[in-house]
Amino acid sequence: MKFRSVFDIIGPVMVGPSSSHTAGAARIGLVARHLFQTQPEWADIHLYGSFAKTYQGHGTDVALVGGILGFDTDDPRIPDALKMAEEKGMKVTFIEEKDDHDHPNTVRIRLGKGDDRMELVGISIGGGKVEVKELDGFKLRLSGNHPAILVVHNDRYGAIASVAAALAEEEINIGHMEVSRKDKGKEALMVIEVDQNVSTELLKKIGSLSAIEKVTKIHD
């Protein structure tokens, strides 16, 4: 296994005690916040495996909620995240799941505000690194460590090519791309990790393309 730098070995700058259970959890929560795009009114957090057994002692609970509040891994407010969520009127519920999952550090986060809902499944793979494995029923692989755009679209000819062309016009290089769909000809999801942050203007341009329903971005 190769590491890009010493920081990949020792993990990120973070509020401890654990890169997997704290920093990784905070990053999953932060990705959820970016995708939901606003502070939710409530959060149901389902914990699996090691997360379910040790989440209070390792600070996984405050880290996940801190991420959902928009705090990064090194934010000194993370230890007070549960109290701050309560002060902001966000109801948080933790559910310790008995079933095993594919990865021991797995969490399913459900967020809601008014009629808006979102659900994702994330795993902490060590050293503060994470993957989002599922989003609103779509299977995917999103690291959250690089700028990315997520595009919900109708599964039809030309949709993917039009988004790729829009990125190419702005000289945005694609580092990783995958497409997931629930059924042929139905709703689909593009996950595109890029080498630099995407401007709001470009997001609006992509959102206006034929067959595109929704566009969201995540910064590294």
C-alpha atoms as a PDB file:
ATOM      1  CA  MET A   1       0.000   0.000   0.000  1.00  0.00           C
ATOM      2  CA  LYS A   2       1.395   3.415  -0.974  1.00  0.00           C
ATOM      3  CA  PHE A   3       0.909   6.685   0.873  1.00  0.00           C
ATOM      4  CA  ARG A   4       1.058  10.039  -0.866  1.00  0.00           C
ATOM      5  CA  SER A   5       2.657  11.764   2.115  1.00  0.00           C
ATOM      6  CA  VAL A   6       3.442  11.393   5.789  1.00  0.00           C
ATOM      7  CA  PHE A   7       0.066  13.014   6.537  1.00  0.00           C
ATOM      8  CA  ASP A   8      -1.686  10.012   5.003  1.00  0.00           C
ATOM      9  CA  ILE A   9      -0.004   7.879   7.692  1.00  0.00           C
ATOM     10  CA  ILE A  10      -0.473  10.024  10.806  1.00  0.00           C
ATOM     11  CA  GLY A  11      -3.898  11.310   9.795  1.00  0.00           C
ATOM     12  CA  PRO A  12      -5.340  14.826   9.579  1.00  0.00           C
ATOM     13  CA  VAL A  13      -5.145  17.695  12.029  1.00  0.00           C
ATOM     14  CA  MET A  14      -8.084  16.880  14.248  1.00  0.00           C
ATOM     15  CA  VAL A  15      -9.872  16.995  17.547  1.00  0.00           C
ATOM     16  CA  GLY A  16      -9.156  13.531  19.032  1.00  0.00           C
ATOM     17  CA  PRO A  17      -9.007  10.920  20.227  1.00  0.00           C
ATOM     18  CA  SER A  18      -9.219   8.748  17.076  1.00  0.00           C
ATOM     19  CA  SER A  19      -8.626   9.395  13.396  1.00  0.00           C
ATOM     20  CA  SER A  20     -11.090   6.649  12.444  1.00  0.00           C
ATOM     21  CA  HIS A  21     -13.776   7.231  15.068  1.00  0.00           C
ATOM     22  CA  THR A  22     -13.482  10.996  15.450  1.00  0.00           C
ATOM     23  CA  ALA A  23     -11.870  12.652  12.418  1.00  0.00           C
ATOM     24  CA  GLY A  24     -13.467  10.205   9.990  1.00  0.00           C
ATOM     25  CA  ALA A  25     -16.841  10.615  11.638  1.00  0.00           C
ATOM     26  CA  ALA A  26     -16.582  14.411  11.480  1.00  0.00           C
ATOM     27  CA  ARG A  27     -15.732  14.209   7.795  1.00  0.00           C
ATOM     28  CA  ILE A  28     -18.721  11.962   7.048  1.00  0.00           C
ATOM     29  CA  GLY A  29     -20.972  14.410   8.892  1.00  0.00           C
ATOM     30  CA  LEU A  30     -19.486  17.326   6.973  1.00  0.00           C
ATOM     31  CA  VAL A  31     -20.057  15.599   3.624  1.00  0.00           C
ATOM     32  CA  ALA A  32     -23.670  15.033   4.672  1.00  0.00           C
ATOM     33  CA  ARG A  33     -24.010  18.741   5.489  1.00  0.00           C
ATOM     34  CA  HIS A  34     -22.545  19.759   2.110  1.00  0.00           C
ATOM     35  CA  LEU A  35     -24.936  17.447   0.296  1.00  0.00           C
ATOM     36  CA  PHE A  36     -27.990  18.542   2.289  1.00  0.00           C
ATOM     37  CA  GLN A  37     -26.927  22.180   1.696  1.00  0.00           C
ATOM     38  CA  THR A  38     -28.501  23.580   4.865  1.00  0.00           C
ATOM     39  CA  GLN A  39     -28.712  22.875   8.577  1.00  0.00           C
ATOM     40  CA  PRO A  40     -31.279  20.127   9.143  1.00  0.00           C
ATOM     41  CA  GLU A  41     -34.047  20.288  11.706  1.00  0.00           C
ATOM     42  CA  TRP A  42     -33.387  16.696  12.723  1.00  0.00           C
ATOM     43  CA  ALA A  43     -30.785  13.986  12.274  1.00  0.00           C
ATOM     44  CA  ASP A  44     -31.261  10.242  12.805  1.00  0.00           C
ATOM     45  CA  ILE A  45     -27.837   8.601  13.074  1.00  0.00           C
ATOM     46  CA  HIS A  46     -27.679   4.798  12.761  1.00  0.00           C
ATOM     47  CA  LEU A  47     -24.399   3.316  13.995  1.00  0.00           C
ATOM     48  CA  TYR A  48     -23.022  -0.101  13.024  1.00  0.00           C
ATOM     49  CA  GLY A  49     -20.191  -2.330  14.224  1.00  0.00           C
ATOM     50  CA  SER A  50     -17.396  -0.593  16.073  1.00  0.00           C
ATOM     51  CA  PHE A  51     -19.128   2.772  15.740  1.00  0.00           C
ATOM     52  CA  ALA A  52     -22.141   1.404  17.629  1.00  0.00           C
ATOM     53  CA  LYS A  53     -20.015  -0.101  20.405  1.00  0.00           C
ATOM     54  CA  THR A  54     -17.644   2.807  21.104  1.00  0.00           C
ATOM     55  CA  TYR A  55     -19.252   5.950  19.716  1.00  0.00           C
ATOM     56  CA  GLN A  56     -19.561   7.763  23.045  1.00  0.00           C
ATOM     57  CA  GLY A  57     -16.117   6.912  24.405  1.00  0.00           C
ATOM     58  CA  HIS A  58     -14.331   7.771  21.150  1.00  0.00           C
ATOM     59  CA  GLY A  59     -16.252  10.963  20.462  1.00  0.00           C
ATOM     60  CA  THR A  60     -17.925   9.603  17.346  1.00  0.00           C
ATOM     61  CA  ASP A  61     -21.237  11.099  18.453  1.00  0.00           C
ATOM     62  CA  VAL A  62     -19.953  14.672  18.833  1.00  0.00           C
ATOM     63  CA  ALA A  63     -17.824  14.338  15.685  1.00  0.00           C
ATOM     64  CA  LEU A  64     -20.739  13.273  13.479  1.00  0.00           C
ATOM     65  CA  VAL A  65     -22.967  16.036  14.820  1.00  0.00           C
ATOM     66  CA  GLY A  66     -20.133  18.563  14.554  1.00  0.00           C
ATOM     67  CA  GLY A  67     -19.724  17.661  10.888  1.00  0.00           C
ATOM     68  CA  ILE A  68     -23.455  18.022  10.311  1.00  0.00           C
ATOM     69  CA  LEU A  69     -23.229  21.485  11.898  1.00  0.00           C
ATOM     70  CA  GLY A  70     -20.489  22.343   9.381  1.00  0.00           C
ATOM     71  CA  PHE A  71     -17.407  21.856  11.592  1.00  0.00           C
ATOM     72  CA  ASP A  72     -14.191  20.488  10.044  1.00  0.00           C
ATOM     73  CA  THR A  73     -12.043  17.813  11.716  1.00  0.00           C
ATOM     74  CA  ASP A  74      -9.881  20.306  13.647  1.00  0.00           C
ATOM     75  CA  ASP A  75     -12.689  22.582  14.843  1.00  0.00           C
ATOM     76  CA  PRO A  76     -12.393  23.129  18.631  1.00  0.00           C
ATOM     77  CA  ARG A  77     -16.207  23.298  18.883  1.00  0.00           C
ATOM     78  CA  ILE A  78     -16.604  19.580  18.139  1.00  0.00           C
ATOM     79  CA  PRO A  79     -16.642  18.458  21.814  1.00  0.00           C
ATOM     80  CA  ASP A  80     -19.616  20.784  22.371  1.00  0.00           C
ATOM     81  CA  ALA A  81     -21.460  19.781  19.191  1.00  0.00           C
ATOM     82  CA  LEU A  82     -24.362  18.004  20.900  1.00  0.00           C
ATOM     83  CA  LYS A  83     -25.065  20.981  23.119  1.00  0.00           C
ATOM     84  CA  MET A  84     -24.754  23.370  20.176  1.00  0.00           C
ATOM     85  CA  ALA A  85     -27.129  21.270  18.067  1.00  0.00           C
ATOM     86  CA  GLU A  86     -29.705  21.445  20.847  1.00  0.00           C
ATOM     87  CA  GLU A  87     -29.269  25.214  21.109  1.00  0.00           C
ATOM     88  CA  LYS A  88     -29.815  25.508  17.355  1.00  0.00           C
ATOM     89  CA  GLY A  89     -33.018  23.478  17.580  1.00  0.00           C
ATOM     90  CA  MET A  90     -31.680  20.402  15.769  1.00  0.00           C
ATOM     91  CA  LYS A  91     -33.019  17.157  17.209  1.00  0.00           C
ATOM     92  CA  VAL A  92     -30.430  14.366  17.134  1.00  0.00           C
ATOM     93  CA  THR A  93     -31.214  10.680  17.664  1.00  0.00           C
ATOM     94  CA  PHE A  94     -28.584   7.921  17.830  1.00  0.00           C
ATOM     95  CA  ILE A  95     -29.614   4.349  16.981  1.00  0.00           C
ATOM     96  CA  GLU A  96     -27.252   1.478  17.836  1.00  0.00           C
ATOM     97  CA  GLU A  97     -27.848  -1.122  15.138  1.00  0.00           C
ATOM     98  CA  LYS A  98     -27.328  -4.814  15.954  1.00  0.00           C
ATOM     99  CA  ASP A  99     -26.842  -5.955  12.350  1.00  0.00           C
ATOM    100  CA  ASP A 100     -23.334  -6.260  10.947  1.00  0.00           C
ATOM    101  CA  HIS A 101     -22.347  -4.109   7.993  1.00  0.00           C
ATOM    102  CA  ASP A 102     -19.693  -4.604   5.316  1.00  0.00           C
ATOM    103  CA  HIS A 103     -17.321  -2.285   7.220  1.00  0.00           C
ATOM    104  CA  PRO A 104     -17.045  -2.011  11.041  1.00  0.00           C
ATOM    105  CA  ASN A 105     -17.003   1.804  11.059  1.00  0.00           C
ATOM    106  CA  THR A 106     -20.304   2.404   9.272  1.00  0.00           C
ATOM    107  CA  VAL A 107     -22.950   5.056   9.814  1.00  0.00           C
ATOM    108  CA  ARG A 108     -26.273   5.749   8.126  1.00  0.00           C
ATOM    109  CA  ILE A 109     -27.307   9.403   8.438  1.00  0.00           C
ATOM    110  CA  ARG A 110     -30.855  10.561   7.768  1.00  0.00           C
ATOM    111  CA  LEU A 111     -31.414  14.319   7.680  1.00  0.00           C
ATOM    112  CA  GLY A 112     -34.607  16.315   7.342  1.00  0.00           C
ATOM    113  CA  LYS A 113     -35.929  19.848   7.189  1.00  0.00           C
ATOM    114  CA  GLY A 114     -39.538  20.508   6.304  1.00  0.00           C
ATOM    115  CA  ASP A 115     -40.348  18.328   3.307  1.00  0.00           C
ATOM    116  CA  ASP A 116     -36.672  17.814   2.381  1.00  0.00           C
ATOM    117  CA  ARG A 117     -35.059  14.478   3.224  1.00  0.00           C
ATOM    118  CA  MET A 118     -31.664  12.933   2.579  1.00  0.00           C
ATOM    119  CA  GLU A 119     -30.035   9.647   3.521  1.00  0.00           C
ATOM    120  CA  LEU A 120     -26.431   8.532   3.118  1.00  0.00           C
ATOM    121  CA  VAL A 121     -24.259   5.651   4.250  1.00  0.00           C
ATOM    122  CA  GLY A 122     -20.630   6.422   5.035  1.00  0.00           C
ATOM    123  CA  ILE A 123     -17.626   4.463   6.300  1.00  0.00           C
ATOM    124  CA  SER A 124     -14.446   5.611   8.030  1.00  0.00           C
ATOM    125  CA  ILE A 125     -11.546   3.688   6.486  1.00  0.00           C
ATOM    126  CA  GLY A 126      -8.707   4.969   8.695  1.00  0.00           C
ATOM    127  CA  GLY A 127      -6.433   7.972   8.958  1.00  0.00           C
ATOM    128  CA  GLY A 128      -9.386  10.324   8.743  1.00  0.00           C
ATOM    129  CA  LYS A 129     -10.284   9.060   5.271  1.00  0.00           C
ATOM    130  CA  VAL A 130     -13.886   8.203   4.449  1.00  0.00           C
ATOM    131  CA  GLU A 131     -16.118   6.897   1.690  1.00  0.00           C
ATOM    132  CA  VAL A 132     -19.778   7.571   1.067  1.00  0.00           C
ATOM    133  CA  LYS A 133     -21.206   4.276  -0.165  1.00  0.00           C
ATOM    134  CA  GLU A 134     -24.851   5.188  -0.683  1.00  0.00           C
ATOM    135  CA  LEU A 135     -26.883   8.352  -1.231  1.00  0.00           C
ATOM    136  CA  ASP A 136     -30.691   8.308  -1.316  1.00  0.00           C
ATOM    137  CA  GLY A 137     -30.676   4.737  -2.575  1.00  0.00           C
ATOM    138  CA  PHE A 138     -27.908   5.245  -5.160  1.00  0.00           C
ATOM    139  CA  LYS A 139     -24.796   3.109  -4.782  1.00  0.00           C
ATOM    140  CA  LEU A 140     -21.607   5.137  -5.155  1.00  0.00           C
ATOM    141  CA  ARG A 141     -18.041   5.641  -3.979  1.00  0.00           C
ATOM    142  CA  LEU A 142     -17.288   9.182  -2.882  1.00  0.00           C
ATOM    143  CA  SER A 143     -14.199   9.953  -0.818  1.00  0.00           C
ATOM    144  CA  GLY A 144     -15.080  13.464   0.319  1.00  0.00           C
ATOM    145  CA  ASN A 145     -11.350  14.240   0.122  1.00  0.00           C
ATOM    146  CA  HIS A 146     -11.482  16.025  -3.231  1.00  0.00           C
ATOM    147  CA  PRO A 147     -13.732  18.651  -4.808  1.00  0.00           C
ATOM    148  CA  ALA A 148     -16.690  16.900  -6.383  1.00  0.00           C
ATOM    149  CA  ILE A 149     -20.018  17.539  -8.024  1.00  0.00           C
ATOM    150  CA  LEU A 150     -23.050  15.272  -7.787  1.00  0.00           C
ATOM    151  CA  VAL A 151     -25.558  15.481 -10.620  1.00  0.00           C
ATOM    152  CA  VAL A 152     -29.023  13.934 -10.437  1.00  0.00           C
ATOM    153  CA  HIS A 153     -30.349  13.440 -13.961  1.00  0.00           C
ATOM    154  CA  ASN A 154     -32.692  11.489 -16.172  1.00  0.00           C
ATOM    155  CA  ASP A 155     -31.036   8.326 -17.469  1.00  0.00           C
ATOM    156  CA  ARG A 156     -31.028   9.134 -21.145  1.00  0.00           C
ATOM    157  CA  TYR A 157     -28.684   9.599 -24.082  1.00  0.00           C
ATOM    158  CA  GLY A 158     -26.394  12.646 -23.974  1.00  0.00           C
ATOM    159  CA  ALA A 159     -26.812  13.621 -20.312  1.00  0.00           C
ATOM    160  CA  ILE A 160     -23.336  12.479 -19.231  1.00  0.00           C
ATOM    161  CA  ALA A 161     -21.646  13.870 -22.344  1.00  0.00           C
ATOM    162  CA  SER A 162     -23.226  17.299 -21.869  1.00  0.00           C
ATOM    163  CA  VAL A 163     -21.941  17.574 -18.285  1.00  0.00           C
ATOM    164  CA  ALA A 164     -18.448  16.422 -19.308  1.00  0.00           C
ATOM    165  CA  ALA A 165     -18.433  18.991 -22.121  1.00  0.00           C
ATOM    166  CA  ALA A 166     -19.418  21.798 -19.742  1.00  0.00           C
ATOM    167  CA  LEU A 167     -16.518  20.894 -17.452  1.00  0.00           C
ATOM    168  CA  ALA A 168     -14.111  20.692 -20.388  1.00  0.00           C
ATOM    169  CA  GLU A 169     -15.098  24.169 -21.577  1.00  0.00           C
ATOM    170  CA  GLU A 170     -13.967  25.543 -18.196  1.00  0.00           C
ATOM    171  CA  GLU A 171     -10.789  23.419 -18.295  1.00  0.00           C
ATOM    172  CA  ILE A 172     -11.913  21.402 -15.252  1.00  0.00           C
ATOM    173  CA  ASN A 173     -10.108  18.051 -15.167  1.00  0.00           C
ATOM    174  CA  ILE A 174     -12.044  14.969 -14.064  1.00  0.00           C
ATOM    175  CA  GLY A 175     -10.113  12.759 -11.631  1.00  0.00           C
ATOM    176  CA  HIS A 176     -12.813  10.144 -11.054  1.00  0.00           C
ATOM    177  CA  MET A 177     -16.312   9.674 -12.389  1.00  0.00           C
ATOM    178  CA  GLU A 178     -19.028   7.083 -11.930  1.00  0.00           C
ATOM    179  CA  VAL A 179     -22.719   6.804 -12.681  1.00  0.00           C
ATOM    180  CA  SER A 180     -25.362   4.977 -10.676  1.00  0.00           C
ATOM    181  CA  ARG A 181     -28.982   4.439 -11.611  1.00  0.00           C
ATOM    182  CA  LYS A 182     -31.921   2.802  -9.916  1.00  0.00           C
ATOM    183  CA  ASP A 183     -33.367   1.447 -13.159  1.00  0.00           C
ATOM    184  CA  LYS A 184     -32.922   1.872 -16.906  1.00  0.00           C
ATOM    185  CA  GLY A 185     -34.441   5.107 -18.153  1.00  0.00           C
ATOM    186  CA  LYS A 186     -35.188   6.357 -14.631  1.00  0.00           C
ATOM    187  CA  GLU A 187     -33.376   8.721 -12.270  1.00  0.00           C
ATOM    188  CA  ALA A 188     -29.579   8.458 -12.203  1.00  0.00           C
ATOM    189  CA  LEU A 189     -26.671  10.014 -10.314  1.00  0.00           C
ATOM    190  CA  MET A 190     -23.307  11.196 -11.624  1.00  0.00           C
ATOM    191  CA  VAL A 191     -20.465  11.504  -9.104  1.00  0.00           C
ATOM    192  CA  ILE A 192     -17.558  13.501 -10.534  1.00  0.00           C
ATOM    193  CA  GLU A 193     -14.400  14.199  -8.522  1.00  0.00           C
ATOM    194  CA  VAL A 194     -12.364  17.036 -10.044  1.00  0.00           C
ATOM    195  CA  ASP A 195      -8.964  18.645  -9.546  1.00  0.00           C
ATOM    196  CA  GLN A 196     -10.224  22.089  -8.546  1.00  0.00           C
ATOM    197  CA  ASN A 197     -13.294  23.668  -7.024  1.00  0.00           C
ATOM    198  CA  VAL A 198     -16.217  24.341  -9.358  1.00  0.00           C
ATOM    199  CA  SER A 199     -17.691  27.843  -9.495  1.00  0.00           C
ATOM    200  CA  THR A 200     -21.308  28.628  -8.713  1.00  0.00           C
ATOM    201  CA  GLU A 201     -21.728  29.913 -12.274  1.00  0.00           C
ATOM    202  CA  LEU A 202     -20.616  26.580 -13.713  1.00  0.00           C
ATOM    203  CA  LEU A 203     -22.986  24.714 -11.392  1.00  0.00           C
ATOM    204  CA  LYS A 204     -25.856  26.861 -12.649  1.00  0.00           C
ATOM    205  CA  LYS A 205     -24.814  26.146 -16.238  1.00  0.00           C
ATOM    206  CA  ILE A 206     -24.783  22.398 -15.608  1.00  0.00           C
ATOM    207  CA  GLY A 207     -28.120  22.633 -13.797  1.00  0.00           C
ATOM    208  CA  SER A 208     -29.692  24.265 -16.838  1.00  0.00           C
ATOM    209  CA  LEU A 209     -28.694  21.441 -19.195  1.00  0.00           C
ATOM    210  CA  SER A 210     -31.325  19.132 -20.617  1.00  0.00           C
ATOM    211  CA  ALA A 211     -32.155  16.100 -18.424  1.00  0.00           C
ATOM    212  CA  ILE A 212     -30.389  17.558 -15.350  1.00  0.00           C
ATOM    213  CA  GLU A 213     -32.558  17.721 -12.230  1.00  0.00           C
ATOM    214  CA  LYS A 214     -30.183  18.767  -9.424  1.00  0.00           C
ATOM    215  CA  VAL A 215     -26.514  19.667  -8.977  1.00  0.00           C
ATOM    216  CA  THR A 216     -24.569  19.717  -5.698  1.00  0.00           C
ATOM    217  CA  LYS A 217     -20.886  20.358  -5.009  1.00  0.00           C
ATOM    218  CA  ILE A 218     -18.480  19.298  -2.295  1.00  0.00           C
ATOM    219  CA  HIS A 219     -15.214  21.103  -1.603  1.00  0.00           C
ATOM    220  CA  ASP A 220     -12.169  19.270  -0.261  1.00  0.00           C
END
